[in-house]
Protein backbone atom coordinates (compact mmCIF):
# COMPACT_ATOMS: atom_id res chain seq x y z
CA MET A 1 0.00 0.00 0.00
CA THR A 2 1.12 3.53 -0.71
CA PHE A 3 1.34 6.06 2.11
CA GLN A 4 -1.87 7.75 0.92
CA GLU A 5 -3.67 4.40 0.83
CA LYS A 6 -2.55 3.66 4.37
CA LEU A 7 -3.68 7.10 5.49
CA GLN A 8 -7.09 6.56 3.93
CA ALA A 9 -7.38 3.13 5.54
CA TYR A 10 -6.44 4.62 8.93
CA ALA A 11 -9.12 7.31 8.65
CA GLU A 12 -11.71 4.68 7.70
CA LEU A 13 -10.59 2.55 10.64
CA ALA A 14 -10.96 5.43 13.11
CA VAL A 15 -14.50 6.14 11.90
CA LYS A 16 -15.89 2.64 11.27
CA VAL A 17 -14.14 0.71 14.04
CA GLY A 18 -12.82 3.35 16.50
CA VAL A 19 -16.03 5.29 17.16
CA ASN A 20 -18.16 3.08 14.86
CA ILE A 21 -20.19 6.08 13.72
CA GLN A 22 -23.92 5.44 13.29
CA PRO A 23 -26.34 7.00 10.75
CA GLY A 24 -27.30 10.52 11.79
CA GLN A 25 -24.93 10.50 14.79
CA TYR A 26 -23.04 13.64 15.74
CA LEU A 27 -19.25 13.39 15.96
CA VAL A 28 -16.90 15.74 17.81
CA VAL A 29 -13.21 15.52 16.90
CA ASN A 30 -10.58 16.98 19.23
CA THR A 31 -7.15 17.38 17.68
CA THR A 32 -4.26 19.75 16.93
CA VAL A 33 -3.26 21.74 13.87
CA ASP A 34 -0.47 19.21 13.28
CA ALA A 35 -3.17 16.67 12.40
CA LEU A 36 -5.10 18.89 9.97
CA ASP A 37 -4.66 16.72 6.87
CA PHE A 38 -5.67 13.53 8.67
CA ALA A 39 -8.61 15.31 10.34
CA ARG A 40 -9.92 16.26 6.91
CA LEU A 41 -9.86 12.62 5.85
CA VAL A 42 -11.67 11.59 9.04
CA VAL A 43 -14.39 14.17 8.48
CA LYS A 44 -14.97 12.93 4.92
CA GLU A 45 -15.10 9.30 6.07
CA ALA A 46 -17.54 10.20 8.84
CA TYR A 47 -19.95 11.91 6.46
CA LYS A 48 -19.60 9.07 3.96
CA ALA A 49 -20.52 6.66 6.77
CA GLY A 50 -23.68 8.66 7.49
CA ALA A 51 -22.69 11.00 10.35
CA GLY A 52 -25.21 13.75 11.01
CA ARG A 53 -22.79 16.55 11.89
CA VAL A 54 -19.04 16.53 12.40
CA HIS A 55 -17.42 19.28 14.47
CA VAL A 56 -13.64 19.62 14.85
CA ASN A 57 -11.94 21.41 17.75
CA PHE A 58 -8.36 22.34 16.86
CA SER A 59 -5.65 23.24 19.36
CA ASP A 60 -2.06 24.38 18.88
CA GLU A 61 0.86 23.62 21.16
CA GLN A 62 2.19 27.18 21.17
CA ILE A 63 -1.25 28.59 21.96
CA ASP A 64 -1.73 26.00 24.70
CA ARG A 65 1.63 26.85 26.23
CA ALA A 66 0.88 30.58 26.09
CA TYR A 67 -2.20 29.97 28.25
CA PHE A 68 -0.17 28.11 30.87
CA GLU A 69 2.58 30.76 30.84
CA TYR A 70 0.58 33.98 30.77
CA ALA A 71 -3.09 33.48 31.75
CA SER A 72 -4.13 35.01 35.07
CA GLU A 73 -4.51 32.99 38.23
CA GLU A 74 -8.20 33.90 38.16
CA GLU A 75 -8.58 32.13 34.82
CA PHE A 76 -6.79 29.07 36.10
CA ASN A 77 -9.42 28.69 38.79
CA ARG A 78 -12.43 28.54 36.51
CA PHE A 79 -13.44 26.48 33.49
CA PRO A 80 -15.44 27.90 30.54
CA GLU A 81 -19.12 26.99 30.81
CA TRP A 82 -19.50 26.87 27.03
CA ASN A 83 -16.88 24.13 26.96
CA VAL A 84 -18.91 22.12 29.45
CA LYS A 85 -22.16 22.68 27.55
CA MET A 86 -20.65 21.46 24.27
CA ARG A 87 -19.77 18.12 25.87
CA ASP A 88 -23.11 17.88 27.66
CA GLU A 89 -25.01 18.39 24.40
CA LEU A 90 -22.93 15.68 22.73
CA ILE A 91 -23.86 13.30 25.57
CA GLU A 92 -27.55 14.24 25.35
CA ARG A 93 -27.53 13.59 21.60
CA LYS A 94 -25.76 10.25 22.13
CA GLY A 95 -22.98 11.45 19.87
CA ALA A 96 -19.45 10.11 19.46
CA LEU A 97 -16.08 11.59 20.40
CA LEU A 98 -12.75 11.07 18.64
CA TRP A 99 -9.36 12.33 19.82
CA ILE A 100 -6.62 12.57 17.21
CA ASN A 101 -3.52 12.82 19.36
CA ALA A 102 -0.38 14.55 18.02
CA GLU A 103 1.04 15.82 21.31
CA ASN A 104 4.52 17.13 21.94
CA PRO A 105 5.46 15.20 25.13
CA ASP A 106 7.56 18.14 26.36
CA ASN A 107 5.22 20.98 25.44
CA LEU A 108 4.59 22.13 29.01
CA ALA A 109 8.07 21.42 30.38
CA GLY A 110 9.09 24.22 32.73
CA ILE A 111 5.52 25.24 33.62
CA SER A 112 5.09 25.39 37.39
CA VAL A 113 3.66 22.30 39.03
CA ASP A 114 1.08 24.48 40.79
CA ARG A 115 -0.32 25.71 37.47
CA LEU A 116 -0.51 22.19 36.06
CA ALA A 117 -2.17 20.86 39.20
CA THR A 118 -4.73 23.68 39.36
CA HIS A 119 -5.69 23.13 35.74
CA GLN A 120 -6.17 19.40 36.36
CA LYS A 121 -8.35 19.93 39.43
CA VAL A 122 -10.53 22.68 37.96
CA ALA A 123 -11.09 20.91 34.65
CA GLY A 124 -11.75 17.62 36.40
CA ALA A 125 -14.43 19.12 38.63
CA ALA A 126 -16.13 21.03 35.79
CA LEU A 127 -16.23 18.04 33.45
CA LYS A 128 -17.61 15.55 35.97
CA ASN A 129 -20.67 14.70 33.84
CA TYR A 130 -18.50 14.25 30.77
CA ARG A 131 -15.99 12.04 32.60
CA THR A 132 -18.83 9.88 33.89
CA ALA A 133 -20.17 9.42 30.35
CA VAL A 134 -16.74 8.37 29.09
CA MET A 135 -15.89 6.10 32.04
CA LYS A 136 -19.28 4.36 31.84
CA ASP A 137 -19.20 4.08 28.01
CA LEU A 138 -22.45 6.05 27.75
CA ILE A 139 -21.10 7.46 24.48
CA ALA A 140 -18.80 5.96 21.86
CA TRP A 141 -15.29 7.39 22.08
CA SER A 142 -11.87 6.59 20.68
CA ILE A 143 -8.29 7.85 20.65
CA VAL A 144 -5.97 7.56 17.66
CA ALA A 145 -2.67 9.32 16.98
CA VAL A 146 -0.72 10.93 14.17
CA PRO A 147 2.85 12.27 14.21
CA SER A 148 3.78 15.86 14.91
CA PRO A 149 7.33 17.09 14.23
CA LYS A 150 8.12 17.58 17.93
CA TRP A 151 6.75 14.19 18.91
CA ALA A 152 8.63 12.44 16.09
CA GLU A 153 11.85 14.19 17.13
CA LYS A 154 11.37 12.94 20.69
CA VAL A 155 10.86 9.33 19.53
CA PHE A 156 13.58 9.26 16.85
CA PRO A 157 16.24 11.79 17.96
CA ASN A 158 19.04 9.99 16.08
CA LEU A 159 17.37 10.13 12.66
CA PRO A 160 17.82 13.05 10.26
CA ALA A 161 15.02 15.60 10.74
CA GLU A 162 13.40 14.80 7.38
CA GLU A 163 13.12 11.09 8.31
CA GLN A 164 11.58 11.47 11.78
CA VAL A 165 7.93 12.02 10.87
CA PRO A 166 7.90 9.28 8.17
CA ALA A 167 9.48 6.87 10.68
CA LEU A 168 6.79 7.61 13.25
CA TRP A 169 4.08 7.18 10.62
CA ASP A 170 5.48 3.73 9.78
CA ALA A 171 5.50 2.76 13.46
CA ILE A 172 1.92 3.95 14.00
CA PHE A 173 0.61 2.12 10.94
CA LYS A 174 2.17 -1.13 12.18
CA ALA A 175 0.79 -0.61 15.70
CA VAL A 176 -2.78 -0.10 14.40
CA ARG A 177 -2.57 -2.98 11.90
CA VAL A 178 -2.77 -0.82 8.79
CA GLY A 179 -0.84 -1.88 5.69
CA GLU A 180 -1.33 -5.63 5.52
CA GLY A 181 -4.73 -6.74 4.29
CA ASN A 182 -8.01 -5.11 5.28
CA ALA A 183 -7.50 -3.07 8.46
CA VAL A 184 -11.14 -3.32 9.54
CA ASP A 185 -11.07 -7.13 9.25
CA ASN A 186 -7.69 -7.25 11.02
CA TRP A 187 -9.16 -5.40 13.97
CA ARG A 188 -12.23 -7.57 14.22
CA THR A 189 -10.01 -10.65 14.47
CA HIS A 190 -7.72 -8.94 16.99
CA VAL A 191 -10.60 -7.93 19.27
CA GLU A 192 -12.02 -11.47 19.11
CA ASN A 193 -8.68 -12.80 20.36
CA LEU A 194 -8.63 -10.31 23.24
CA GLU A 195 -12.23 -11.18 24.14
CA ALA A 196 -11.29 -14.86 24.38
CA ARG A 197 -8.49 -13.98 26.81
CA ALA A 198 -10.84 -11.85 28.93
CA ALA A 199 -13.43 -14.65 29.00
CA LEU A 200 -10.82 -17.06 30.35
CA LEU A 201 -9.82 -14.65 33.13
CA ASN A 202 -13.48 -14.03 33.99
CA SER A 203 -14.02 -17.77 34.36
CA LYS A 204 -11.25 -17.86 37.00
CA LYS A 205 -12.64 -15.19 39.34
CA TYR A 206 -9.28 -14.58 41.00
CA ALA A 207 -9.40 -12.98 44.44
CA LYS A 208 -5.91 -11.44 44.13
CA LEU A 209 -3.04 -10.86 41.73
CA HIS A 210 0.61 -11.00 42.88
CA TYR A 211 3.22 -9.15 40.79
CA THR A 212 6.96 -9.72 41.13
CA ALA A 213 9.78 -8.17 39.08
CA PRO A 214 12.93 -6.14 39.80
CA GLY A 215 11.70 -3.19 41.89
CA THR A 216 8.18 -4.66 42.21
CA ASP A 217 6.46 -6.89 44.78
CA LEU A 218 2.78 -5.99 44.73
CA THR A 219 -0.43 -7.75 45.72
CA ILE A 220 -3.72 -6.48 44.29
CA ALA A 221 -7.06 -7.73 45.61
CA LEU A 222 -9.98 -7.83 43.16
CA SER A 223 -13.65 -7.19 43.95
CA PRO A 224 -15.84 -10.33 43.91
CA GLN A 225 -17.93 -8.50 41.27
CA HIS A 226 -14.97 -7.61 39.04
CA GLN A 227 -14.99 -8.43 35.34
CA TRP A 228 -12.20 -8.36 32.77
CA LEU A 229 -12.81 -6.23 29.68
CA THR A 230 -10.95 -5.44 26.46
CA GLY A 231 -10.58 -2.46 24.13
CA GLY A 232 -13.87 -3.47 22.54
CA SER A 233 -16.45 -1.46 24.50
CA GLN A 234 -20.20 -1.09 24.02
CA THR A 235 -22.68 1.75 24.57
CA PRO A 236 -26.07 1.15 26.23
CA GLU A 237 -27.56 1.18 22.72
CA GLY A 238 -25.33 -1.71 21.71
CA THR A 239 -22.79 0.17 19.54
CA VAL A 240 -19.40 -1.53 19.79
CA PHE A 241 -16.38 0.82 19.67
CA ILE A 242 -12.64 0.68 20.32
CA ALA A 243 -11.61 3.27 22.91
CA ASN A 244 -7.85 3.03 22.28
CA MET A 245 -6.23 2.35 18.91
CA PRO A 246 -3.86 0.58 19.34
CA THR A 247 -4.98 -1.71 22.14
CA GLU A 248 -3.39 -4.94 23.37
CA GLU A 249 -4.82 -5.10 26.89
CA VAL A 250 -7.35 -6.93 28.98
CA TYR A 251 -8.19 -4.94 32.10
CA THR A 252 -10.26 -4.77 35.25
CA LEU A 253 -10.36 -2.74 38.46
CA PRO A 254 -8.64 -3.40 41.81
CA LEU A 255 -10.37 -3.49 45.16
CA LYS A 256 -9.71 0.06 46.34
CA GLN A 257 -8.25 -0.80 49.75
CA GLY A 258 -6.76 -4.14 48.70
CA VAL A 259 -3.38 -3.06 47.27
CA ASN A 260 -0.22 -3.73 49.26
CA GLY A 261 3.51 -3.68 48.46
CA TYR A 262 5.57 -1.64 46.03
CA VAL A 263 5.84 -1.19 42.28
CA SER A 264 8.33 0.54 39.96
CA ASN A 265 7.65 1.98 36.53
CA SER A 266 9.21 0.39 33.45
CA LYS A 267 8.61 3.24 30.97
CA PRO A 268 8.43 7.03 31.35
CA LEU A 269 5.03 8.56 32.05
CA ALA A 270 4.10 11.52 29.82
CA TYR A 271 1.84 13.65 31.99
CA GLN A 272 0.62 17.21 31.37
CA GLY A 273 3.31 17.93 28.81
CA ASN A 274 6.09 16.67 31.09
CA ILE A 275 7.93 13.41 31.78
CA ILE A 276 7.86 11.49 35.08
CA ASP A 277 10.35 8.62 35.25
CA GLY A 278 12.32 6.38 37.60
CA PHE A 279 9.50 6.26 40.14
CA LYS A 280 8.46 3.80 42.82
CA LEU A 281 5.11 3.70 44.62
CA THR A 282 4.48 1.97 47.95
CA PHE A 283 0.93 0.96 48.94
CA GLU A 284 -0.65 0.09 52.26
CA GLU A 285 -4.31 -0.99 52.29
CA GLY A 286 -4.75 0.49 48.85
CA LYS A 287 -3.28 3.91 49.54
CA ILE A 288 -0.01 5.31 48.21
CA VAL A 289 2.02 5.97 51.36
CA GLN A 290 5.31 6.74 49.64
CA ALA A 291 6.13 8.00 46.14
CA GLU A 292 9.47 9.10 44.75
CA ALA A 293 10.68 9.78 41.21
CA GLN A 294 14.11 10.45 39.79
CA VAL A 295 12.59 12.69 37.08
CA GLY A 296 9.54 14.88 37.67
CA ASN A 297 9.18 14.12 41.38
CA ASP A 298 7.31 17.38 42.15
CA LEU A 299 4.80 16.60 39.40
CA LEU A 300 4.38 13.05 40.70
CA GLN A 301 3.52 14.43 44.14
CA GLU A 302 0.91 16.74 42.61
CA LEU A 303 -0.54 13.89 40.55
CA ILE A 304 -1.19 11.70 43.58
CA ASN A 305 -2.67 14.66 45.46
CA VAL A 306 -5.16 15.88 42.85
CA ASP A 307 -7.82 14.49 45.19
CA GLU A 308 -8.10 11.67 47.73
CA GLY A 309 -8.88 9.13 45.00
CA ALA A 310 -5.60 9.92 43.24
CA LYS A 311 -3.79 8.09 46.04
CA TYR A 312 -5.47 4.81 45.03
CA LEU A 313 -5.47 2.60 41.94
CA GLY A 314 -8.37 2.45 39.49
CA GLU A 315 -7.19 0.01 36.81
CA VAL A 316 -5.23 -3.21 36.40
CA ALA A 317 -4.25 -4.06 32.81
CA LEU A 318 -2.45 -7.09 31.43
CA VAL A 319 -0.33 -6.81 28.26
CA PRO A 320 2.24 -9.44 27.23
CA HIS A 321 5.82 -8.26 26.83
CA GLU A 322 5.92 -9.73 23.31
CA SER A 323 3.06 -7.48 22.11
CA PRO A 324 3.70 -5.88 18.69
CA ILE A 325 4.40 -2.48 20.24
CA SER A 326 6.86 -3.90 22.75
CA ALA A 327 8.54 -5.96 20.01
CA SER A 328 9.14 -2.76 18.02
CA GLU A 329 11.43 -1.60 20.88
CA ILE A 330 10.21 1.96 20.30
CA LEU A 331 9.62 4.22 23.30
CA TYR A 332 6.78 6.51 22.20
CA PHE A 333 6.62 8.87 25.19
CA ASN A 334 2.86 8.62 24.64
CA THR A 335 0.66 6.58 26.97
CA LEU A 336 -1.68 5.48 24.16
CA PHE A 337 1.19 3.44 22.71
CA ASP A 338 3.49 2.75 25.66
CA GLU A 339 0.70 1.28 27.80
CA ASN A 340 0.06 -1.26 25.05
CA ALA A 341 3.65 -2.46 25.24
CA SER A 342 3.50 -3.21 28.94
CA ASN A 343 1.48 -4.40 31.89
CA HIS A 344 0.18 -1.24 33.46
CA LEU A 345 -1.84 0.24 36.30
CA ALA A 346 -3.76 3.48 36.61
CA ILE A 347 -3.94 5.98 39.43
CA GLY A 348 -7.40 7.40 40.10
CA GLU A 349 -10.88 6.72 38.73
CA ALA A 350 -11.98 3.13 38.13
CA TYR A 351 -14.08 2.17 35.13
CA PRO A 352 -17.56 1.33 36.51
CA THR A 353 -18.02 -1.09 33.60
CA CYS A 354 -15.38 -3.33 35.23
CA LEU A 355 -17.96 -4.21 37.89
CA GLU A 356 -20.96 -6.38 37.10
CA GLY A 357 -23.86 -3.93 36.73
CA GLY A 358 -21.52 -1.02 37.50
CA ARG A 359 -22.75 1.22 34.68
CA ASP A 360 -26.05 1.76 36.53
CA LEU A 361 -24.52 2.54 39.93
CA GLU A 362 -23.91 5.92 41.57
CA PRO A 363 -20.46 6.90 42.92
CA GLY A 364 -21.35 5.93 46.50
CA GLN A 365 -22.58 2.53 45.39
CA LEU A 366 -19.44 1.97 43.34
CA GLU A 367 -17.22 2.86 46.29
CA ALA A 368 -19.16 0.44 48.50
CA LEU A 369 -18.19 -2.34 46.08
CA GLY A 370 -14.52 -1.31 46.17
CA ALA A 371 -14.29 0.90 43.07
CA ASN A 372 -12.13 4.02 43.32
CA VAL A 373 -13.62 7.44 42.49
CA SER A 374 -11.47 10.40 41.40
CA VAL A 375 -11.30 13.30 38.93
CA THR A 376 -8.15 11.81 37.39
CA HIS A 377 -7.15 8.57 35.65
CA GLU A 378 -3.50 8.20 34.71
CA ASP A 379 -1.98 4.99 33.36
CA PHE A 380 1.63 4.11 34.13
CA MET A 381 3.69 1.24 32.78
CA ILE A 382 5.17 -1.47 35.03
CA GLY A 383 5.69 -4.53 32.82
CA ASN A 384 8.95 -6.00 31.50
CA GLY A 385 10.41 -9.30 30.34
CA GLU A 386 11.17 -10.34 33.93
CA MET A 387 7.69 -9.85 35.41
CA ASP A 388 5.78 -12.79 36.90
CA ILE A 389 2.12 -12.55 37.88
CA ASP A 390 0.23 -15.13 39.93
CA GLY A 391 -3.53 -15.39 40.27
CA ILE A 392 -4.78 -16.33 43.73
CA LEU A 393 -8.16 -18.06 43.86
CA PRO A 394 -10.62 -17.49 46.73
CA ASP A 395 -9.53 -20.80 48.30
CA GLY A 396 -5.88 -19.70 48.28
CA THR A 397 -4.80 -21.76 45.27
CA VAL A 398 -2.04 -20.00 43.32
CA GLU A 399 -1.92 -20.19 39.51
CA PRO A 400 0.60 -18.64 37.11
CA ILE A 401 -0.82 -15.94 34.81
CA PHE A 402 2.43 -14.41 33.52
CA ARG A 403 5.92 -15.82 33.44
CA LYS A 404 8.86 -13.71 32.23
CA GLY A 405 6.47 -11.09 30.89
CA SER A 406 4.34 -13.48 28.81
CA TRP A 407 1.04 -15.29 29.28
CA ALA A 408 1.45 -18.57 31.18
CA PHE A 409 -1.78 -20.04 29.75
């Protein structure tokens, strides 16, 4: 396939499989000016697929940084109501949401931690209804990515400048299964394989997971009502969509107060336009009681103090070390890709859909069943080729799930 053919196939994939747009459905696209050409293709594919109205919100990294550098403190403590209403109308109309990510991982480097933390807290509180809709899969949503010059330079610093963006395009196409055969069919087969893995884990009903690796010895209790899910999600109306493209994970939620031990990251965490790396978290009865990072320690402290729920875990995800993204040996500095190369966990909000019947429960009911509630949800990577994971059954029987970073069954 030519580059243009791959690009066209990727746009079709984002529309027909990512958000799985339905006839007459509204679609909101959030992206940056670096993704303009791809956004145009997505809009065309959406209308061709029968979308009712497609609206694109463009951002720009220099404009975004100017806000963080120069906006008043007053502005940092409020969130535009019109921005909230746009999302609320999309939810009311049962529309779909697509992010086209082209972030510069270092765009907000040097911005004060206080500014970053305030923005996170204020936006999180204002967009509570929107976050609930996304976390409960009340609307179809998906995230895809395209290269920007700054991002490509970060990933491939040793290549000549003119080769960096093409190299990142090649890596993305491989990660999303574009370029060999029909991408839509490839994804349907891939999701079926993930669903089979999730079904096997659900049949086990493990009470706990025990992780061991260099720098990690962590036990995670699971709610009796937990269920393993995959990247193939479903709205209440029955529309199946893929939230993350790529996706290689099966995931569930931990019991909020059932996490004990310590864990170390295996890949850098790109958070709020900055990098956090070389960090270790220690848990007692679910809560982070000690956190230290070699890079970005101040930002790590702010992350786990966004609210009380940010001190607890909200997601447990299993990804084999030999996944296609891991096998590429590319460090993307982008969670969408790096989390699909590695077992990972998430600080903050738990997905209610990971509990049986959880979509219909209120926050208090979810917490009573052991689900964490927070305004944040940040994935961080912990897996490597030396990680072992055991599943512990309710009767205490121990079974291997991962050995040396790979599935044991």
